[in-house]
Amino acid sequence: KGYPPREPRDDKPTQRPRSQPMRLGRLTPERTLFLICDVQERFRPAIHKFPAVVSGSLRLLATARELSIPAIVTEQYPKGLGRTVAELDTACLAETGGGVFEKTTFSMLADAAVSGAITGAGRTSLVIAGLEAHVCVLQSVLDLVGALPDVEVHLCVDAVSSGSPTDRLTGLRRAERAGAFLTTTEAVMMELIRSKEHPSFKAISALIKASKLPASEALEPVA
């Protein structure tokens, strides 16, 4: 039997597509922006382990002051849900280029004023704490990852919660699948200074020790 003629061979080596470089998500003070999402008074009795969210948010705001990192605090419909809890001192945010912003959209990026503040800061590492993991935090992550490809988003799992553990875990897992890095406030703080020789090492170490929660009060790890 006859066989069909062979196609001419292309002797050029096959070019394999280059894989994308792995994102490491390294944090530096110069590239970092803290986002504290909706840690408001009316949520206090409704949120799973609310004090842990407050404690973690306090850590980030104190670190922002120590390392001159801007921090943006949002408030979801404060007329109905109250202002940011009194434990979080927002009076000094303007000193490092941050501020407090009201919003009614769930996503921080969907609000024009908040979006302008985030993009205007010119930072590429966004560290998020706050509420709720499966609503405002998740929708913010999805919008940030989708709209700002050069930005890396970090979620502090010890400072992000929801009304129930299930909603919290579901929100965090989906955010991670969408491209967010899951981290902790302590990991963020230590990565920002990198060495015990850093001028702020003692201050950051003291802050970590002073704000350490008992295991029974801390938010659960993400398996």
Protein backbone atom coordinates (compact mmCIF):
# COMPACT_ATOMS: atom_id res chain seq x y z
CA LYS A 1 0.00 0.00 0.00
CA GLY A 2 1.11 3.49 -0.66
CA TYR A 3 1.54 5.97 2.16
CA PRO A 4 0.76 9.66 1.94
CA PRO A 5 3.82 11.84 1.49
CA ARG A 6 5.36 13.07 4.71
CA GLU A 7 5.07 16.69 5.59
CA PRO A 8 8.40 18.48 5.35
CA ARG A 9 10.24 18.50 8.66
CA ASP A 10 10.97 21.70 10.44
CA ASP A 11 14.38 21.13 11.95
CA LYS A 12 14.14 24.16 14.19
CA PRO A 13 14.04 23.22 17.89
CA THR A 14 10.66 23.51 19.52
CA GLN A 15 10.39 26.68 21.57
CA ARG A 16 8.82 26.03 24.94
CA PRO A 17 6.81 28.89 26.33
CA ARG A 18 8.60 30.65 29.11
CA SER A 19 6.97 30.11 32.46
CA GLN A 20 5.99 33.16 34.43
CA PRO A 21 8.43 33.97 37.22
CA MET A 22 7.18 32.91 40.63
CA ARG A 23 5.75 35.75 42.66
CA LEU A 24 7.49 35.95 46.01
CA GLY A 25 5.44 38.76 47.51
CA ARG A 26 8.41 40.29 49.30
CA LEU A 27 7.53 43.27 51.47
CA THR A 28 9.53 46.47 51.90
CA PRO A 29 8.42 49.66 53.69
CA GLU A 30 8.85 51.67 50.50
CA ARG A 31 6.41 49.51 48.52
CA THR A 32 3.85 48.69 51.22
CA LEU A 33 0.40 50.13 51.92
CA PHE A 34 -1.81 48.98 54.81
CA LEU A 35 -5.57 48.68 54.27
CA ILE A 36 -7.81 48.35 57.34
CA CYS A 37 -11.28 47.39 56.17
CA ASP A 38 -14.39 48.33 58.16
CA VAL A 39 -13.35 47.57 61.75
CA GLN A 40 -16.41 49.36 63.14
CA GLU A 41 -18.23 49.47 66.44
CA ARG A 42 -21.51 47.91 65.30
CA PHE A 43 -19.66 44.79 64.17
CA ARG A 44 -18.23 44.13 67.62
CA PRO A 45 -20.93 41.71 68.90
CA ALA A 46 -21.50 40.06 65.53
CA ILE A 47 -17.99 39.10 64.40
CA HIS A 48 -16.18 35.89 65.30
CA LYS A 49 -13.29 36.79 67.64
CA PHE A 50 -13.63 40.50 66.97
CA PRO A 51 -10.93 41.45 69.53
CA ALA A 52 -8.36 39.56 67.46
CA VAL A 53 -9.20 41.71 64.44
CA VAL A 54 -8.78 44.84 66.55
CA SER A 55 -5.48 43.60 67.97
CA GLY A 56 -4.07 42.76 64.55
CA SER A 57 -5.23 46.07 63.09
CA LEU A 58 -3.58 47.89 66.00
CA ARG A 59 -0.32 46.11 65.19
CA LEU A 60 -0.44 47.26 61.58
CA LEU A 61 -1.28 50.87 62.44
CA ALA A 62 1.51 50.99 65.02
CA THR A 63 3.90 49.53 62.45
CA ALA A 64 2.73 52.13 59.94
CA ARG A 65 3.69 54.91 62.34
CA GLU A 66 7.01 53.32 63.24
CA LEU A 67 8.11 52.67 59.65
CA SER A 68 6.35 55.63 57.96
CA ILE A 69 4.07 53.39 55.91
CA PRO A 70 0.77 54.88 54.71
CA ALA A 71 -2.42 53.27 55.98
CA ILE A 72 -5.95 53.61 54.62
CA VAL A 73 -8.89 52.87 56.91
CA THR A 74 -12.36 52.37 55.44
CA GLU A 75 -15.76 52.61 57.11
CA GLN A 76 -18.78 50.86 55.60
CA TYR A 77 -21.86 53.10 55.86
CA PRO A 78 -20.80 54.65 59.19
CA LYS A 79 -24.16 56.38 59.63
CA GLY A 80 -25.68 52.96 60.28
CA LEU A 81 -22.70 50.87 61.37
CA GLY A 82 -20.76 53.35 63.47
CA ARG A 83 -17.24 54.65 63.19
CA THR A 84 -13.96 52.78 63.44
CA VAL A 85 -13.56 51.33 66.94
CA ALA A 86 -12.00 53.67 69.48
CA GLU A 87 -9.05 51.33 70.05
CA LEU A 88 -7.70 52.17 66.60
CA ASP A 89 -6.11 55.62 66.61
CA THR A 90 -6.75 57.04 63.16
CA ALA A 91 -5.85 60.64 64.01
CA CYS A 92 -2.25 60.31 62.81
CA LEU A 93 -2.93 58.59 59.48
CA ALA A 94 -2.47 61.77 57.45
CA GLU A 95 1.12 62.08 58.66
CA THR A 96 2.15 59.12 56.50
CA GLY A 97 -0.15 59.83 53.56
CA GLY A 98 -3.15 57.77 54.66
CA GLY A 99 -6.63 58.57 55.91
CA VAL A 100 -10.13 57.39 56.80
CA PHE A 101 -12.66 56.93 54.00
CA GLU A 102 -16.38 56.26 54.13
CA LYS A 103 -17.88 53.89 51.58
CA THR A 104 -21.10 52.10 50.73
CA THR A 105 -19.69 49.67 48.17
CA PHE A 106 -18.46 46.36 49.54
CA SER A 107 -15.18 46.46 47.60
CA MET A 108 -12.72 49.14 48.62
CA LEU A 109 -11.69 49.54 45.00
CA ALA A 110 -15.27 50.11 43.83
CA ASP A 111 -15.44 53.38 45.75
CA ALA A 112 -13.93 56.24 43.75
CA ALA A 113 -12.34 58.03 46.71
CA VAL A 114 -10.82 54.88 48.21
CA SER A 115 -9.67 53.66 44.81
CA GLY A 116 -8.02 57.00 44.14
CA ALA A 117 -6.22 56.88 47.48
CA ILE A 118 -4.99 53.33 46.87
CA THR A 119 -3.72 53.94 43.35
CA GLY A 120 -2.44 57.40 44.25
CA ALA A 121 -0.24 55.96 46.98
CA GLY A 122 1.82 54.26 44.28
CA ARG A 123 2.48 51.17 46.40
CA THR A 124 2.65 47.66 44.96
CA SER A 125 2.31 45.58 48.15
CA LEU A 126 -1.09 45.92 49.80
CA VAL A 127 -1.53 44.39 53.26
CA ILE A 128 -5.15 43.94 54.37
CA ALA A 129 -6.82 43.42 57.75
CA GLY A 130 -10.46 43.80 58.69
CA LEU A 131 -13.99 42.71 57.91
CA GLU A 132 -15.64 40.67 56.62
CA ALA A 133 -13.49 37.98 55.06
CA HIS A 134 -16.20 36.71 52.71
CA VAL A 135 -17.72 40.08 51.76
CA CYS A 136 -15.83 43.39 51.77
CA VAL A 137 -12.37 41.88 52.15
CA LEU A 138 -12.92 39.23 49.48
CA GLN A 139 -14.51 41.60 46.98
CA SER A 140 -11.67 44.07 47.55
CA VAL A 141 -9.12 41.34 46.86
CA LEU A 142 -10.88 40.22 43.68
CA ASP A 143 -11.02 43.79 42.37
CA LEU A 144 -7.44 44.61 43.34
CA VAL A 145 -6.01 41.46 41.77
CA GLY A 146 -8.18 41.83 38.68
CA ALA A 147 -7.65 45.54 38.05
CA LEU A 148 -4.08 46.10 39.24
CA PRO A 149 -1.84 43.36 37.80
CA ASP A 150 1.35 44.90 39.20
CA VAL A 151 0.00 44.86 42.75
CA GLU A 152 0.44 42.00 45.24
CA VAL A 153 -2.19 41.56 47.94
CA HIS A 154 -1.44 40.12 51.39
CA LEU A 155 -4.17 39.07 53.83
CA CYS A 156 -3.35 38.91 57.54
CA VAL A 157 -5.31 35.84 58.58
CA ASP A 158 -4.91 36.69 62.26
CA ALA A 159 -6.68 40.01 61.68
CA VAL A 160 -9.43 39.12 59.18
CA SER A 161 -12.74 37.61 60.27
CA SER A 162 -16.45 37.21 59.55
CA GLY A 163 -19.62 36.54 61.45
CA SER A 164 -18.90 32.81 61.43
CA PRO A 165 -15.74 30.67 61.18
CA THR A 166 -17.13 29.04 58.03
CA ASP A 167 -17.60 32.34 56.21
CA ARG A 168 -14.15 33.49 57.33
CA LEU A 169 -12.43 30.34 56.09
CA THR A 170 -14.36 30.32 52.81
CA GLY A 171 -13.48 33.95 52.12
CA LEU A 172 -9.79 33.48 52.89
CA ARG A 173 -9.50 30.37 50.75
CA ARG A 174 -11.16 31.99 47.77
CA ALA A 175 -8.98 35.08 48.15
CA GLU A 176 -5.89 32.87 48.14
CA ARG A 177 -7.06 31.06 45.01
CA ALA A 178 -7.56 34.44 43.37
CA GLY A 179 -3.93 35.32 44.01
CA ALA A 180 -3.67 36.85 47.48
CA PHE A 181 -0.87 35.83 49.84
CA LEU A 182 -2.04 34.57 53.22
CA THR A 183 0.19 35.84 56.02
CA THR A 184 0.08 37.09 59.61
CA THR A 185 0.66 40.48 61.17
CA GLU A 186 3.82 39.26 62.89
CA ALA A 187 5.19 37.84 59.63
CA VAL A 188 4.51 41.17 57.91
CA MET A 189 6.17 43.19 60.67
CA MET A 190 9.32 41.08 60.75
CA GLU A 191 9.63 40.96 56.97
CA LEU A 192 9.44 44.74 56.80
CA ILE A 193 12.49 45.15 59.04
CA ARG A 194 14.43 42.05 57.88
CA SER A 195 17.16 42.20 60.55
CA LYS A 196 17.82 42.77 64.24
CA GLU A 197 20.13 45.54 63.06
CA HIS A 198 17.17 47.55 61.78
CA PRO A 199 16.70 50.78 63.77
CA SER A 200 13.09 49.80 64.53
CA PHE A 201 13.80 46.22 65.59
CA LYS A 202 13.38 46.87 69.31
CA ALA A 203 10.19 48.86 68.83
CA ILE A 204 8.66 46.25 66.54
CA SER A 205 9.69 43.36 68.81
CA ALA A 206 8.21 45.12 71.84
CA LEU A 207 4.98 45.74 69.94
CA ILE A 208 4.70 42.07 68.98
CA LYS A 209 5.25 40.93 72.57
CA ALA A 210 2.84 43.46 74.04
CA SER A 211 0.04 42.55 71.64
CA LYS A 212 0.38 38.75 71.71
CA LEU A 213 -3.01 37.14 72.26
CA PRO A 214 -3.64 33.95 74.24
CA ALA A 215 -4.31 31.01 71.94
CA SER A 216 -7.93 30.88 73.07
CA GLU A 217 -8.52 34.45 71.85
CA ALA A 218 -6.61 34.25 68.57
CA LEU A 219 -8.24 33.48 65.25
CA GLU A 220 -7.90 29.93 63.99
CA PRO A 221 -5.16 29.05 61.48
CA VAL A 222 -6.09 28.42 57.87
CA ALA A 223 -5.44 24.78 57.06
